Amino acid sequence: MALRQLAERAGGGVVVQLYWDDSAPAGRDVIVAYRDELQQVSYNVCPPRDRALEAFYHPNAFADPAALPSPGLRATV
């Protein structure tokens, strides 16, 4: 497995990282890792390749609602 970090951003206790896994099948090869240290929440999402940057900047919009403990974090797309 060759997991490569492509980008990272952090602020306010939240860290978001964008990875590419060149050994994973298409549809599972882009990974956005989200970690909120204040809320003690973390999850990964696997967006489509063409929406990777959108998921990197708006990971909660791509998350499973069950992964979001606070109604304030739920996406309103």
N, C-alpha and C. Protein backbone atom coordinates (compact mmCIF):
# COMPACT_ATOMS: atom_id res chain seq x y z
N MET A 1 0.85 -1.18 0.00
CA MET A 1 0.00 0.00 0.00
C MET A 1 0.89 1.23 0.00
N ALA A 2 0.61 2.13 -0.88
CA ALA A 2 1.37 3.37 -0.96
C ALA A 2 0.41 4.53 -0.71
N LEU A 3 0.21 4.83 0.55
CA LEU A 3 -0.66 5.93 0.93
C LEU A 3 0.17 7.21 0.93
N ARG A 4 -0.26 8.18 0.15
CA ARG A 4 0.48 9.44 0.03
C ARG A 4 -0.37 10.61 0.50
N GLN A 5 0.20 11.42 1.36
CA GLN A 5 -0.51 12.61 1.81
C GLN A 5 -0.32 13.70 0.77
N LEU A 6 -1.44 14.25 0.30
CA LEU A 6 -1.41 15.29 -0.73
C LEU A 6 -1.58 16.69 -0.14
N ALA A 7 -2.32 16.80 0.95
CA ALA A 7 -2.58 18.11 1.55
C ALA A 7 -3.00 17.94 3.00
N GLU A 8 -2.80 19.04 3.75
CA GLU A 8 -3.24 19.07 5.15
C GLU A 8 -3.58 20.50 5.50
N ARG A 9 -4.61 20.66 6.30
CA ARG A 9 -4.95 21.97 6.84
C ARG A 9 -5.39 21.77 8.28
N ALA A 10 -5.14 22.79 9.10
CA ALA A 10 -5.48 22.69 10.52
C ALA A 10 -5.84 24.06 11.06
N GLY A 11 -6.73 24.05 12.03
CA GLY A 11 -7.13 25.29 12.69
C GLY A 11 -8.26 25.04 13.66
N GLY A 12 -8.22 25.69 14.81
CA GLY A 12 -9.29 25.57 15.78
C GLY A 12 -9.49 24.17 16.32
N GLY A 13 -8.44 23.38 16.35
CA GLY A 13 -8.55 22.02 16.85
C GLY A 13 -8.96 21.00 15.81
N VAL A 14 -9.18 21.46 14.57
CA VAL A 14 -9.59 20.56 13.49
C VAL A 14 -8.41 20.35 12.54
N VAL A 15 -8.18 19.08 12.18
CA VAL A 15 -7.14 18.73 11.22
C VAL A 15 -7.82 17.95 10.10
N VAL A 16 -7.59 18.36 8.86
CA VAL A 16 -8.13 17.66 7.69
C VAL A 16 -6.95 17.32 6.79
N GLN A 17 -6.89 16.05 6.39
CA GLN A 17 -5.80 15.58 5.54
C GLN A 17 -6.38 14.90 4.31
N LEU A 18 -5.73 15.10 3.18
CA LEU A 18 -6.13 14.49 1.92
C LEU A 18 -5.06 13.49 1.52
N TYR A 19 -5.49 12.24 1.27
CA TYR A 19 -4.57 11.16 0.90
C TYR A 19 -4.99 10.54 -0.42
N TRP A 20 -4.02 9.92 -1.06
CA TRP A 20 -4.27 9.10 -2.25
C TRP A 20 -3.61 7.76 -2.00
N ASP A 21 -4.35 6.69 -2.19
CA ASP A 21 -3.85 5.33 -2.01
C ASP A 21 -3.77 4.68 -3.38
N ASP A 22 -2.57 4.59 -3.94
CA ASP A 22 -2.43 4.08 -5.31
C ASP A 22 -2.65 2.58 -5.42
N SER A 23 -2.79 1.89 -4.30
CA SER A 23 -3.06 0.45 -4.37
C SER A 23 -4.54 0.12 -4.17
N ALA A 24 -5.35 1.12 -3.87
CA ALA A 24 -6.78 0.90 -3.66
C ALA A 24 -7.54 0.98 -4.98
N PRO A 25 -8.68 0.31 -5.05
CA PRO A 25 -9.48 0.38 -6.27
C PRO A 25 -10.09 1.78 -6.44
N ALA A 26 -10.40 2.12 -7.66
CA ALA A 26 -11.05 3.40 -7.94
C ALA A 26 -12.31 3.51 -7.08
N GLY A 27 -12.53 4.69 -6.55
CA GLY A 27 -13.66 4.92 -5.66
C GLY A 27 -13.29 4.79 -4.19
N ARG A 28 -12.15 4.17 -3.93
CA ARG A 28 -11.64 4.04 -2.57
C ARG A 28 -10.21 4.57 -2.47
N ASP A 29 -9.72 5.18 -3.55
CA ASP A 29 -8.32 5.60 -3.60
C ASP A 29 -8.07 7.01 -3.10
N VAL A 30 -9.10 7.81 -2.95
CA VAL A 30 -8.99 9.16 -2.38
C VAL A 30 -9.60 9.11 -0.98
N ILE A 31 -8.84 9.59 -0.01
CA ILE A 31 -9.29 9.54 1.38
C ILE A 31 -9.13 10.92 2.01
N VAL A 32 -10.17 11.39 2.64
CA VAL A 32 -10.11 12.62 3.42
C VAL A 32 -10.27 12.21 4.89
N ALA A 33 -9.26 12.50 5.68
CA ALA A 33 -9.28 12.19 7.11
C ALA A 33 -9.61 13.46 7.88
N TYR A 34 -10.62 13.39 8.72
CA TYR A 34 -11.08 14.53 9.51
C TYR A 34 -10.90 14.21 10.98
N ARG A 35 -10.33 15.15 11.73
CA ARG A 35 -10.18 14.97 13.18
C ARG A 35 -10.46 16.30 13.87
N ASP A 36 -11.43 16.29 14.77
CA ASP A 36 -11.77 17.47 15.58
C ASP A 36 -11.42 17.11 17.01
N GLU A 37 -10.33 17.69 17.50
CA GLU A 37 -9.84 17.35 18.83
C GLU A 37 -10.73 17.94 19.92
N LEU A 38 -11.43 19.05 19.67
CA LEU A 38 -12.30 19.64 20.67
C LEU A 38 -13.58 18.82 20.85
N GLN A 39 -14.16 18.37 19.75
CA GLN A 39 -15.39 17.56 19.79
C GLN A 39 -15.08 16.07 19.99
N GLN A 40 -13.81 15.71 19.88
CA GLN A 40 -13.36 14.31 19.94
C GLN A 40 -14.08 13.46 18.89
N VAL A 41 -14.02 13.96 17.66
CA VAL A 41 -14.64 13.29 16.52
C VAL A 41 -13.57 13.07 15.46
N SER A 42 -13.58 11.89 14.87
CA SER A 42 -12.71 11.65 13.72
C SER A 42 -13.38 10.64 12.80
N TYR A 43 -13.17 10.82 11.52
CA TYR A 43 -13.72 9.91 10.52
C TYR A 43 -12.97 10.09 9.22
N ASN A 44 -13.15 9.15 8.32
CA ASN A 44 -12.59 9.21 6.97
C ASN A 44 -13.74 9.16 5.98
N VAL A 45 -13.58 9.86 4.87
CA VAL A 45 -14.52 9.76 3.76
C VAL A 45 -13.72 9.47 2.50
N CYS A 46 -14.37 8.79 1.56
CA CYS A 46 -13.75 8.46 0.27
C CYS A 46 -14.58 9.09 -0.83
N PRO A 47 -14.31 10.35 -1.14
CA PRO A 47 -15.10 11.03 -2.18
C PRO A 47 -14.65 10.58 -3.57
N PRO A 48 -15.48 10.83 -4.57
CA PRO A 48 -15.03 10.58 -5.95
C PRO A 48 -13.82 11.46 -6.26
N ARG A 49 -12.97 10.99 -7.14
CA ARG A 49 -11.75 11.74 -7.49
C ARG A 49 -12.03 13.17 -7.90
N ASP A 50 -13.08 13.36 -8.69
CA ASP A 50 -13.36 14.70 -9.21
C ASP A 50 -13.93 15.64 -8.14
N ARG A 51 -14.18 15.12 -6.93
CA ARG A 51 -14.69 15.97 -5.84
C ARG A 51 -13.75 15.95 -4.63
N ALA A 52 -12.51 15.53 -4.84
CA ALA A 52 -11.55 15.40 -3.74
C ALA A 52 -11.28 16.72 -3.04
N LEU A 53 -11.05 17.78 -3.78
CA LEU A 53 -10.78 19.07 -3.14
C LEU A 53 -12.01 19.62 -2.44
N GLU A 54 -13.17 19.40 -3.01
CA GLU A 54 -14.40 19.84 -2.36
C GLU A 54 -14.56 19.12 -1.02
N ALA A 55 -14.29 17.83 -0.99
CA ALA A 55 -14.37 17.06 0.26
C ALA A 55 -13.29 17.49 1.24
N PHE A 56 -12.13 17.86 0.74
CA PHE A 56 -11.05 18.33 1.60
C PHE A 56 -11.45 19.62 2.32
N TYR A 57 -12.09 20.53 1.61
CA TYR A 57 -12.50 21.81 2.20
C TYR A 57 -13.84 21.75 2.93
N HIS A 58 -14.67 20.76 2.62
CA HIS A 58 -15.99 20.62 3.25
C HIS A 58 -16.26 19.16 3.63
N PRO A 59 -15.43 18.58 4.48
CA PRO A 59 -15.57 17.15 4.77
C PRO A 59 -16.90 16.78 5.43
N ASN A 60 -17.48 17.66 6.22
CA ASN A 60 -18.74 17.33 6.89
C ASN A 60 -19.88 17.14 5.89
N ALA A 61 -19.79 17.77 4.73
CA ALA A 61 -20.81 17.60 3.70
C ALA A 61 -20.76 16.20 3.09
N PHE A 62 -19.63 15.52 3.23
CA PHE A 62 -19.45 14.20 2.65
C PHE A 62 -19.55 13.09 3.69
N ALA A 63 -19.62 13.46 4.96
CA ALA A 63 -19.61 12.48 6.05
C ALA A 63 -20.95 11.80 6.22
N ASP A 64 -20.89 10.61 6.73
CA ASP A 64 -22.08 9.89 7.15
C ASP A 64 -22.67 10.66 8.33
N PRO A 65 -23.93 11.05 8.30
CA PRO A 65 -24.51 11.82 9.41
C PRO A 65 -24.33 11.14 10.77
N ALA A 66 -24.25 9.82 10.79
CA ALA A 66 -24.05 9.11 12.06
C ALA A 66 -22.68 9.39 12.66
N ALA A 67 -21.72 9.83 11.85
CA ALA A 67 -20.38 10.13 12.33
C ALA A 67 -20.31 11.51 12.98
N LEU A 68 -21.35 12.31 12.80
CA LEU A 68 -21.35 13.68 13.32
C LEU A 68 -22.20 13.73 14.59
N PRO A 69 -21.58 13.91 15.75
CA PRO A 69 -22.32 13.85 17.00
C PRO A 69 -23.17 15.08 17.32
N SER A 70 -22.86 16.20 16.71
CA SER A 70 -23.53 17.43 17.07
C SER A 70 -24.39 17.92 15.91
N PRO A 71 -25.65 18.30 16.18
CA PRO A 71 -26.48 18.84 15.11
C PRO A 71 -25.84 20.05 14.44
N GLY A 72 -25.00 20.78 15.15
CA GLY A 72 -24.32 21.95 14.60
C GLY A 72 -23.32 21.59 13.52
N LEU A 73 -22.88 20.33 13.47
CA LEU A 73 -21.91 19.90 12.47
C LEU A 73 -22.57 19.31 11.23
N ARG A 74 -23.85 19.04 11.30
CA ARG A 74 -24.52 18.38 10.18
C ARG A 74 -24.55 19.28 8.94
N ALA A 75 -24.35 18.66 7.82
CA ALA A 75 -24.36 19.38 6.55
C ALA A 75 -25.79 19.77 6.19
N THR A 76 -25.95 20.93 5.62
CA THR A 76 -27.26 21.39 5.13
C THR A 76 -27.13 21.69 3.66
N VAL A 77 -26.84 20.65 2.90
CA VAL A 77 -26.63 20.80 1.46
C VAL A 77 -27.94 20.65 0.74
